[in-house]
Amino acid sequence: MSHGLDLDDASGAAGCGAGIAWIRRTLTDMGLLAHGGDVVLVAAELLSNAVRHAGGARHLSLDRHDRFLRIAVSDHDPRPPRMGEHRPDSIGGHGLFLVDRLALRWGSRPAPGGKTVWADLPLPPP
């Protein structure tokens, strides 16, 4: 099952807020909101990274697979994300570290006019 949200008309914090609200609604529709805390957090990190480093998000999707949910955020910057050295005592810079810790796997792929960053999070057992 695949769901998507076009974010081209929303920018900055408004785009992040719209994306997070959409993720919560979609998780509710899937019956997974009670188990969706990590999904919401990872989506928020990917959206805020798109705003901070790529000028904003173009598209957000949430796809349900047998054992995981895939969150994907597309933006206008073709450069792949890079996870810097994690410094627990620093303010900020923890986004991809959190994604890396919470996701089963994550990565990026080229997309028309930019890239898509994705993360797979485990589904709760049936």
C-alpha atoms as a PDB file:
ATOM      1  CA  MET A   1       0.000   0.000   0.000  1.00  0.00           C
ATOM      2  CA  SER A   2       1.474   3.325  -1.075  1.00  0.00           C
ATOM      3  CA  HIS A   3       0.532   6.848  -0.019  1.00  0.00           C
ATOM      4  CA  GLY A   4       2.081  10.121  -1.156  1.00  0.00           C
ATOM      5  CA  LEU A   5       1.906  13.863  -0.541  1.00  0.00           C
ATOM      6  CA  ASP A   6       3.082  16.564  -2.949  1.00  0.00           C
ATOM      7  CA  LEU A   7       4.907  19.280  -0.984  1.00  0.00           C
ATOM      8  CA  ASP A   8       6.055  21.580  -3.798  1.00  0.00           C
ATOM      9  CA  ASP A   9       3.724  24.362  -2.655  1.00  0.00           C
ATOM     10  CA  ALA A  10       4.783  24.218   1.008  1.00  0.00           C
ATOM     11  CA  SER A  11       8.161  25.459   2.153  1.00  0.00           C
ATOM     12  CA  GLY A  12      10.219  25.589   5.313  1.00  0.00           C
ATOM     13  CA  ALA A  13       8.507  24.859   8.602  1.00  0.00           C
ATOM     14  CA  ALA A  14       5.094  24.853   6.891  1.00  0.00           C
ATOM     15  CA  GLY A  15       6.207  21.985   4.653  1.00  0.00           C
ATOM     16  CA  CYS A  16       7.581  20.049   7.632  1.00  0.00           C
ATOM     17  CA  GLY A  17       4.378  20.610   9.599  1.00  0.00           C
ATOM     18  CA  ALA A  18       2.187  19.559   6.678  1.00  0.00           C
ATOM     19  CA  GLY A  19       4.298  16.449   6.138  1.00  0.00           C
ATOM     20  CA  ILE A  20       4.240  15.415   9.793  1.00  0.00           C
ATOM     21  CA  ALA A  21       0.459  15.937  10.009  1.00  0.00           C
ATOM     22  CA  TRP A  22       0.031  13.856   6.847  1.00  0.00           C
ATOM     23  CA  ILE A  23       2.223  11.047   8.257  1.00  0.00           C
ATOM     24  CA  ARG A  24       0.071  10.943  11.421  1.00  0.00           C
ATOM     25  CA  ARG A  25      -3.164  10.819   9.387  1.00  0.00           C
ATOM     26  CA  THR A  26      -1.777   8.098   7.134  1.00  0.00           C
ATOM     27  CA  LEU A  27      -0.601   6.025  10.105  1.00  0.00           C
ATOM     28  CA  THR A  28      -4.086   6.424  11.607  1.00  0.00           C
ATOM     29  CA  ASP A  29      -5.664   5.243   8.346  1.00  0.00           C
ATOM     30  CA  MET A  30      -3.317   2.227   8.408  1.00  0.00           C
ATOM     31  CA  GLY A  31      -4.214   1.472  12.039  1.00  0.00           C
ATOM     32  CA  LEU A  32      -0.587   2.036  13.070  1.00  0.00           C
ATOM     33  CA  LEU A  33      -0.572   5.391  14.880  1.00  0.00           C
ATOM     34  CA  ALA A  34      -0.062   3.733  18.290  1.00  0.00           C
ATOM     35  CA  HIS A  35       3.162   2.189  16.930  1.00  0.00           C
ATOM     36  CA  GLY A  36       4.193   5.145  14.804  1.00  0.00           C
ATOM     37  CA  GLY A  37       6.358   7.277  17.106  1.00  0.00           C
ATOM     38  CA  ASP A  38       9.599   6.314  15.378  1.00  0.00           C
ATOM     39  CA  VAL A  39       7.970   6.740  11.960  1.00  0.00           C
ATOM     40  CA  VAL A  40       6.903  10.292  12.829  1.00  0.00           C
ATOM     41  CA  LEU A  41      10.362  11.109  14.226  1.00  0.00           C
ATOM     42  CA  VAL A  42      12.216   9.757  11.182  1.00  0.00           C
ATOM     43  CA  ALA A  43       9.830  11.531   8.797  1.00  0.00           C
ATOM     44  CA  ALA A  44      10.376  14.797  10.703  1.00  0.00           C
ATOM     45  CA  GLU A  45      14.153  14.380  10.484  1.00  0.00           C
ATOM     46  CA  LEU A  46      14.098  13.624   6.745  1.00  0.00           C
ATOM     47  CA  LEU A  47      11.750  16.559   6.087  1.00  0.00           C
ATOM     48  CA  SER A  48      13.810  18.996   8.159  1.00  0.00           C
ATOM     49  CA  ASN A  49      17.012  17.832   6.445  1.00  0.00           C
ATOM     50  CA  ALA A  50      15.385  18.519   3.066  1.00  0.00           C
ATOM     51  CA  VAL A  51      14.492  22.031   4.236  1.00  0.00           C
ATOM     52  CA  ARG A  52      17.878  22.719   5.833  1.00  0.00           C
ATOM     53  CA  HIS A  53      20.143  21.255   3.163  1.00  0.00           C
ATOM     54  CA  ALA A  54      18.153  21.059  -0.079  1.00  0.00           C
ATOM     55  CA  GLY A  55      15.806  24.043  -0.165  1.00  0.00           C
ATOM     56  CA  GLY A  56      12.709  22.070   0.840  1.00  0.00           C
ATOM     57  CA  ALA A  57      10.919  18.806   0.209  1.00  0.00           C
ATOM     58  CA  ARG A  58       9.069  18.093  -3.052  1.00  0.00           C
ATOM     59  CA  HIS A  59       7.312  14.867  -2.158  1.00  0.00           C
ATOM     60  CA  LEU A  60       6.741  12.636   0.862  1.00  0.00           C
ATOM     61  CA  SER A  61       5.621   9.027   0.676  1.00  0.00           C
ATOM     62  CA  LEU A  62       4.812   6.251   3.107  1.00  0.00           C
ATOM     63  CA  ASP A  63       4.685   2.719   1.716  1.00  0.00           C
ATOM     64  CA  ARG A  64       3.623  -0.358   3.648  1.00  0.00           C
ATOM     65  CA  HIS A  65       5.487  -3.576   2.926  1.00  0.00           C
ATOM     66  CA  ASP A  66       5.121  -6.970   4.623  1.00  0.00           C
ATOM     67  CA  ARG A  67       7.537  -6.286   7.470  1.00  0.00           C
ATOM     68  CA  PHE A  68       8.386  -2.595   7.248  1.00  0.00           C
ATOM     69  CA  LEU A  69       7.192   0.903   6.383  1.00  0.00           C
ATOM     70  CA  ARG A  70       9.241   2.939   3.930  1.00  0.00           C
ATOM     71  CA  ILE A  71       9.326   6.708   4.390  1.00  0.00           C
ATOM     72  CA  ALA A  72      10.726   8.630   1.425  1.00  0.00           C
ATOM     73  CA  VAL A  73      11.353  12.354   1.000  1.00  0.00           C
ATOM     74  CA  SER A  74      12.270  13.798  -2.397  1.00  0.00           C
ATOM     75  CA  ASP A  75      13.961  17.178  -2.778  1.00  0.00           C
ATOM     76  CA  HIS A  76      15.588  19.374  -5.437  1.00  0.00           C
ATOM     77  CA  ASP A  77      19.245  18.733  -4.539  1.00  0.00           C
ATOM     78  CA  PRO A  78      21.011  15.861  -6.346  1.00  0.00           C
ATOM     79  CA  ARG A  79      23.751  15.557  -3.700  1.00  0.00           C
ATOM     80  CA  PRO A  80      23.305  12.524  -1.423  1.00  0.00           C
ATOM     81  CA  PRO A  81      23.028  13.121   2.315  1.00  0.00           C
ATOM     82  CA  ARG A  82      26.084  12.452   4.376  1.00  0.00           C
ATOM     83  CA  MET A  83      26.152  11.517   7.993  1.00  0.00           C
ATOM     84  CA  GLY A  84      28.844  13.413   9.826  1.00  0.00           C
ATOM     85  CA  GLU A  85      30.575  12.363  12.997  1.00  0.00           C
ATOM     86  CA  HIS A  86      28.033  12.149  15.801  1.00  0.00           C
ATOM     87  CA  ARG A  87      28.897  14.325  18.765  1.00  0.00           C
ATOM     88  CA  PRO A  88      26.423  13.785  21.615  1.00  0.00           C
ATOM     89  CA  ASP A  89      27.435  17.059  23.274  1.00  0.00           C
ATOM     90  CA  SER A  90      26.654  19.197  20.212  1.00  0.00           C
ATOM     91  CA  ILE A  91      23.440  21.095  19.582  1.00  0.00           C
ATOM     92  CA  GLY A  92      21.915  19.882  16.333  1.00  0.00           C
ATOM     93  CA  GLY A  93      23.389  17.578  13.750  1.00  0.00           C
ATOM     94  CA  HIS A  94      21.698  14.476  15.153  1.00  0.00           C
ATOM     95  CA  GLY A  95      19.141  13.892  12.376  1.00  0.00           C
ATOM     96  CA  LEU A  96      20.792  11.217  10.264  1.00  0.00           C
ATOM     97  CA  PHE A  97      22.290   9.631  13.377  1.00  0.00           C
ATOM     98  CA  LEU A  98      18.742   9.155  14.713  1.00  0.00           C
ATOM     99  CA  VAL A  99      17.544   7.862  11.348  1.00  0.00           C
ATOM    100  CA  ASP A 100      20.464   5.423  11.257  1.00  0.00           C
ATOM    101  CA  ARG A 101      19.674   4.144  14.766  1.00  0.00           C
ATOM    102  CA  LEU A 102      15.904   3.787  14.280  1.00  0.00           C
ATOM    103  CA  ALA A 103      15.712   2.461  10.717  1.00  0.00           C
ATOM    104  CA  LEU A 104      16.328  -1.085   9.562  1.00  0.00           C
ATOM    105  CA  ARG A 105      18.160   0.541   6.658  1.00  0.00           C
ATOM    106  CA  TRP A 106      18.191   3.902   4.910  1.00  0.00           C
ATOM    107  CA  GLY A 107      19.752   5.495   1.868  1.00  0.00           C
ATOM    108  CA  SER A 108      19.234   7.776  -1.084  1.00  0.00           C
ATOM    109  CA  ARG A 109      18.780   7.439  -4.810  1.00  0.00           C
ATOM    110  CA  PRO A 110      18.840   9.915  -7.680  1.00  0.00           C
ATOM    111  CA  ALA A 111      15.429  11.221  -8.716  1.00  0.00           C
ATOM    112  CA  PRO A 112      14.384  13.520 -11.564  1.00  0.00           C
ATOM    113  CA  GLY A 113      15.409  17.028 -10.529  1.00  0.00           C
ATOM    114  CA  GLY A 114      17.080  15.948  -7.274  1.00  0.00           C
ATOM    115  CA  LYS A 115      17.139  12.907  -5.005  1.00  0.00           C
ATOM    116  CA  THR A 116      14.984  10.767  -2.740  1.00  0.00           C
ATOM    117  CA  VAL A 117      16.106   9.875   0.772  1.00  0.00           C
ATOM    118  CA  TRP A 118      14.341   6.841   2.233  1.00  0.00           C
ATOM    119  CA  ALA A 119      14.245   4.887   5.481  1.00  0.00           C
ATOM    120  CA  ASP A 120      12.666   1.520   6.320  1.00  0.00           C
ATOM    121  CA  LEU A 121      11.181   1.115   9.792  1.00  0.00           C
ATOM    122  CA  PRO A 122       9.963  -2.193  11.209  1.00  0.00           C
ATOM    123  CA  LEU A 123       6.254  -2.923  11.459  1.00  0.00           C
ATOM    124  CA  PRO A 124       4.998  -4.244  14.788  1.00  0.00           C
ATOM    125  CA  PRO A 125       4.349  -7.995  14.865  1.00  0.00           C
ATOM    126  CA  PRO A 126       0.781  -8.927  13.833  1.00  0.00           C
END
